[in-house]
Amino acid sequence: MPLATCARCNQMFNKVQSPVCGTCQDAEDADFEKIRKVIEQNENLNVEEVAEAAEVEIPVVRRMVDEGLVKQVSTLDGDGTRCGQCGAPAISTSKKLCQVCLDKLNTQMTKAQAQIKLGQRREVEVGEFANARKTFEEKRK
C-alpha cells in the first residue's frame, strides 16, 4: 500500500482509497454530507458560499470538487481558479487552463507530433537514398 499524507491532519497513513486517514474519515464523511445537503438546497453557490453554508473549510470543499465527490463542478465555478497561462478564468479546478489556452496547447501538440512524424519519414528517406546510392556506386565499378 502506498504511503500518503492525510489531507486533514497531515499524518502519514497507508492509503487505500480515501485521501484521509481512518481517524479522520468520520469527519470527512460528515463534511461531505453537509456539503451535499447545501448543494441540494441551492445549486447556484460558489465554493466559498458552500463552505460558509455547510460550516466547513474552503479547502475541504475544493478537495471534494477536485476528487469528483461533488458532481456539480459547474455550479461551483466561482472559486477563482485561474488559467496558468493567461490568468483568465479556468475551465475547471483540475484543468487550470482557459478554453483559448487549451486550444492553443492542442494545436501546438498536433504540430509537434506532425514534425516528429515528418522527421522520422525524412530519416527513412535519407537512409533509403544512402542505400540506393551505395548500390549504384558498387554496380558502376
C-alpha atoms as a PDB file:
ATOM      1  CA  MET A   1       0.000   0.000   0.000  1.00  0.00           C
ATOM      2  CA  PRO A   2       1.347   3.451  -0.840  1.00  0.00           C
ATOM      3  CA  LEU A   3       2.008   5.918   1.937  1.00  0.00           C
ATOM      4  CA  ALA A   4       0.172   9.221   1.802  1.00  0.00           C
ATOM      5  CA  THR A   5      -0.306  12.312   3.921  1.00  0.00           C
ATOM      6  CA  CYS A   6      -3.787  12.777   5.353  1.00  0.00           C
ATOM      7  CA  ALA A   7      -5.487  15.815   3.818  1.00  0.00           C
ATOM      8  CA  ARG A   8      -6.991  16.710   7.209  1.00  0.00           C
ATOM      9  CA  CYS A   9      -4.376  16.003   9.910  1.00  0.00           C
ATOM     10  CA  ASN A  10      -1.194  15.785   7.761  1.00  0.00           C
ATOM     11  CA  GLN A  11      -0.208  12.446   9.325  1.00  0.00           C
ATOM     12  CA  MET A  12       1.272   9.643   7.205  1.00  0.00           C
ATOM     13  CA  PHE A  13      -1.004   6.640   6.591  1.00  0.00           C
ATOM     14  CA  ASN A  14      -1.390   3.658   4.257  1.00  0.00           C
ATOM     15  CA  LYS A  15      -3.613   4.987   1.512  1.00  0.00           C
ATOM     16  CA  VAL A  16      -6.229   2.563   0.292  1.00  0.00           C
ATOM     17  CA  GLN A  17      -8.638   4.879  -1.490  1.00  0.00           C
ATOM     18  CA  SER A  18      -9.562   7.933   0.557  1.00  0.00           C
ATOM     19  CA  PRO A  19      -7.258  10.975   0.823  1.00  0.00           C
ATOM     20  CA  VAL A  20      -7.776  10.976   4.604  1.00  0.00           C
ATOM     21  CA  CYS A  21      -6.647   8.551   7.286  1.00  0.00           C
ATOM     22  CA  GLY A  22      -9.012   6.232   9.150  1.00  0.00           C
ATOM     23  CA  THR A  23      -9.042   8.546  12.169  1.00  0.00           C
ATOM     24  CA  CYS A  24     -10.286  11.494  10.077  1.00  0.00           C
ATOM     25  CA  GLN A  25     -12.670   9.508   7.848  1.00  0.00           C
ATOM     26  CA  ASP A  26     -15.737  10.091  10.050  1.00  0.00           C
ATOM     27  CA  ALA A  27     -15.172  13.859   9.996  1.00  0.00           C
ATOM     28  CA  GLU A  28     -14.649  13.732   6.222  1.00  0.00           C
ATOM     29  CA  ASP A  29     -17.915  11.838   5.729  1.00  0.00           C
ATOM     30  CA  ALA A  30     -19.773  14.310   7.964  1.00  0.00           C
ATOM     31  CA  ASP A  31     -18.390  17.277   5.978  1.00  0.00           C
ATOM     32  CA  PHE A  32     -19.383  15.575   2.721  1.00  0.00           C
ATOM     33  CA  GLU A  33     -22.973  15.163   3.941  1.00  0.00           C
ATOM     34  CA  LYS A  34     -23.114  18.830   4.975  1.00  0.00           C
ATOM     35  CA  ILE A  35     -21.807  19.950   1.586  1.00  0.00           C
ATOM     36  CA  ARG A  36     -24.175  17.634  -0.291  1.00  0.00           C
ATOM     37  CA  LYS A  37     -27.197  18.980   1.616  1.00  0.00           C
ATOM     38  CA  VAL A  38     -26.202  22.594   0.983  1.00  0.00           C
ATOM     39  CA  ILE A  39     -25.800  21.953  -2.758  1.00  0.00           C
ATOM     40  CA  GLU A  40     -29.155  20.131  -2.916  1.00  0.00           C
ATOM     41  CA  GLN A  41     -30.866  23.158  -1.355  1.00  0.00           C
ATOM     42  CA  ASN A  42     -29.167  25.734  -3.582  1.00  0.00           C
ATOM     43  CA  GLU A  43     -27.234  24.747  -6.704  1.00  0.00           C
ATOM     44  CA  ASN A  44     -26.099  28.286  -7.588  1.00  0.00           C
ATOM     45  CA  LEU A  45     -23.494  28.719  -4.857  1.00  0.00           C
ATOM     46  CA  ASN A  46     -19.760  29.051  -5.401  1.00  0.00           C
ATOM     47  CA  VAL A  47     -17.137  27.263  -3.297  1.00  0.00           C
ATOM     48  CA  GLU A  48     -16.864  29.990  -0.671  1.00  0.00           C
ATOM     49  CA  GLU A  49     -20.630  30.177  -0.232  1.00  0.00           C
ATOM     50  CA  VAL A  50     -20.946  26.384   0.018  1.00  0.00           C
ATOM     51  CA  ALA A  51     -18.166  26.253   2.618  1.00  0.00           C
ATOM     52  CA  GLU A  52     -19.809  29.009   4.651  1.00  0.00           C
ATOM     53  CA  ALA A  53     -23.296  27.490   4.478  1.00  0.00           C
ATOM     54  CA  ALA A  54     -22.028  23.974   5.296  1.00  0.00           C
ATOM     55  CA  GLU A  55     -19.735  25.322   8.019  1.00  0.00           C
ATOM     56  CA  VAL A  56     -16.657  23.582   6.602  1.00  0.00           C
ATOM     57  CA  GLU A  57     -13.335  24.952   5.408  1.00  0.00           C
ATOM     58  CA  ILE A  58     -12.915  26.070   1.790  1.00  0.00           C
ATOM     59  CA  PRO A  59     -10.029  23.610   1.083  1.00  0.00           C
ATOM     60  CA  VAL A  60     -12.327  20.726   2.091  1.00  0.00           C
ATOM     61  CA  VAL A  61     -14.924  21.793  -0.496  1.00  0.00           C
ATOM     62  CA  ARG A  62     -12.259  22.312  -3.176  1.00  0.00           C
ATOM     63  CA  ARG A  63     -10.720  18.892  -2.461  1.00  0.00           C
ATOM     64  CA  MET A  64     -14.112  17.221  -2.804  1.00  0.00           C
ATOM     65  CA  VAL A  65     -14.738  19.048  -6.086  1.00  0.00           C
ATOM     66  CA  ASP A  66     -11.281  18.024  -7.387  1.00  0.00           C
ATOM     67  CA  GLU A  67     -11.852  14.394  -6.372  1.00  0.00           C
ATOM     68  CA  GLY A  68     -15.220  14.342  -8.128  1.00  0.00           C
ATOM     69  CA  LEU A  69     -17.214  13.708  -4.962  1.00  0.00           C
ATOM     70  CA  VAL A  70     -19.206  16.876  -5.626  1.00  0.00           C
ATOM     71  CA  LYS A  71     -20.515  16.479  -9.168  1.00  0.00           C
ATOM     72  CA  GLN A  72     -21.878  19.998  -9.643  1.00  0.00           C
ATOM     73  CA  VAL A  73     -18.491  21.476 -10.609  1.00  0.00           C
ATOM     74  CA  SER A  74     -20.185  23.932 -12.960  1.00  0.00           C
ATOM     75  CA  THR A  75     -22.191  25.392 -10.089  1.00  0.00           C
ATOM     76  CA  LEU A  76     -19.038  25.766  -8.047  1.00  0.00           C
ATOM     77  CA  ASP A  77     -17.018  27.675 -10.628  1.00  0.00           C
ATOM     78  CA  GLY A  78     -16.779  30.856  -8.574  1.00  0.00           C
ATOM     79  CA  ASP A  79     -13.767  29.539  -6.691  1.00  0.00           C
ATOM     80  CA  GLY A  80     -11.369  31.877  -8.502  1.00  0.00           C
ATOM     81  CA  THR A  81      -9.319  29.226 -10.316  1.00  0.00           C
ATOM     82  CA  ARG A  82      -7.330  30.998 -12.996  1.00  0.00           C
ATOM     83  CA  CYS A  83      -5.635  29.849 -16.175  1.00  0.00           C
ATOM     84  CA  GLY A  84      -1.968  29.087 -15.590  1.00  0.00           C
ATOM     85  CA  GLN A  85      -1.050  30.643 -18.958  1.00  0.00           C
ATOM     86  CA  CYS A  86      -3.008  33.880 -19.287  1.00  0.00           C
ATOM     87  CA  GLY A  87      -4.846  34.382 -15.987  1.00  0.00           C
ATOM     88  CA  ALA A  88      -8.373  34.154 -17.431  1.00  0.00           C
ATOM     89  CA  PRO A  89     -10.985  32.069 -15.565  1.00  0.00           C
ATOM     90  CA  ALA A  90     -10.109  28.375 -15.896  1.00  0.00           C
ATOM     91  CA  ILE A  91     -12.399  25.692 -17.315  1.00  0.00           C
ATOM     92  CA  SER A  92     -12.238  23.710 -14.079  1.00  0.00           C
ATOM     93  CA  THR A  93     -10.177  23.375 -10.933  1.00  0.00           C
ATOM     94  CA  SER A  94      -8.454  20.268 -12.286  1.00  0.00           C
ATOM     95  CA  LYS A  95      -7.546  21.607 -15.765  1.00  0.00           C
ATOM     96  CA  LYS A  96      -6.324  25.059 -14.660  1.00  0.00           C
ATOM     97  CA  LEU A  97      -6.470  26.337 -18.262  1.00  0.00           C
ATOM     98  CA  CYS A  98      -8.969  28.514 -20.087  1.00  0.00           C
ATOM     99  CA  GLN A  99     -10.519  27.232 -23.324  1.00  0.00           C
ATOM    100  CA  VAL A 100      -8.377  29.512 -25.537  1.00  0.00           C
ATOM    101  CA  CYS A 101      -5.094  28.314 -23.973  1.00  0.00           C
ATOM    102  CA  LEU A 102      -6.271  24.704 -24.078  1.00  0.00           C
ATOM    103  CA  ASP A 103      -6.972  25.049 -27.812  1.00  0.00           C
ATOM    104  CA  LYS A 104      -3.529  26.637 -28.355  1.00  0.00           C
ATOM    105  CA  LEU A 105      -1.877  23.813 -26.436  1.00  0.00           C
ATOM    106  CA  ASN A 106      -3.732  21.209 -28.515  1.00  0.00           C
ATOM    107  CA  THR A 107      -2.627  22.972 -31.724  1.00  0.00           C
ATOM    108  CA  GLN A 108       0.999  23.077 -30.571  1.00  0.00           C
ATOM    109  CA  MET A 109       0.886  19.408 -29.672  1.00  0.00           C
ATOM    110  CA  THR A 110      -0.575  18.478 -33.059  1.00  0.00           C
ATOM    111  CA  LYS A 111       2.172  20.461 -34.845  1.00  0.00           C
ATOM    112  CA  ALA A 112       4.877  18.843 -32.716  1.00  0.00           C
ATOM    113  CA  GLN A 113       3.518  15.374 -33.470  1.00  0.00           C
ATOM    114  CA  ALA A 114       3.454  16.168 -37.185  1.00  0.00           C
ATOM    115  CA  GLN A 115       7.066  17.400 -37.070  1.00  0.00           C
ATOM    116  CA  ILE A 116       8.160  14.252 -35.269  1.00  0.00           C
ATOM    117  CA  LYS A 117       6.447  12.066 -37.858  1.00  0.00           C
ATOM    118  CA  LEU A 118       7.935  14.139 -40.697  1.00  0.00           C
ATOM    119  CA  GLY A 119      11.393  13.873 -39.140  1.00  0.00           C
ATOM    120  CA  GLN A 120      11.049  10.098 -38.903  1.00  0.00           C
ATOM    121  CA  ARG A 121       9.985   9.924 -42.553  1.00  0.00           C
ATOM    122  CA  ARG A 122      12.975  12.015 -43.623  1.00  0.00           C
ATOM    123  CA  GLU A 123      15.352   9.734 -41.714  1.00  0.00           C
ATOM    124  CA  VAL A 124      13.881   6.733 -43.528  1.00  0.00           C
ATOM    125  CA  GLU A 125      14.089   8.511 -46.904  1.00  0.00           C
ATOM    126  CA  VAL A 126      17.705   9.564 -46.306  1.00  0.00           C
ATOM    127  CA  GLY A 127      18.577   6.040 -45.211  1.00  0.00           C
ATOM    128  CA  GLU A 128      16.934   4.540 -48.288  1.00  0.00           C
ATOM    129  CA  PHE A 129      18.662   7.104 -50.529  1.00  0.00           C
ATOM    130  CA  ALA A 130      22.037   6.259 -48.992  1.00  0.00           C
ATOM    131  CA  ASN A 131      21.487   2.550 -49.631  1.00  0.00           C
ATOM    132  CA  ALA A 132      20.412   3.177 -53.214  1.00  0.00           C
ATOM    133  CA  ARG A 133      23.418   5.429 -53.849  1.00  0.00           C
ATOM    134  CA  LYS A 134      25.766   2.821 -52.364  1.00  0.00           C
ATOM    135  CA  THR A 135      24.264   0.105 -54.575  1.00  0.00           C
ATOM    136  CA  PHE A 136      24.516   2.382 -57.626  1.00  0.00           C
ATOM    137  CA  GLU A 137      28.210   3.151 -56.926  1.00  0.00           C
ATOM    138  CA  GLU A 138      29.024  -0.549 -56.456  1.00  0.00           C
ATOM    139  CA  LYS A 139      27.425  -1.502 -59.775  1.00  0.00           C
ATOM    140  CA  ARG A 140      29.136   1.377 -61.516  1.00  0.00           C
ATOM    141  CA  LYS A 141      32.561  -0.026 -60.689  1.00  0.00           C
END
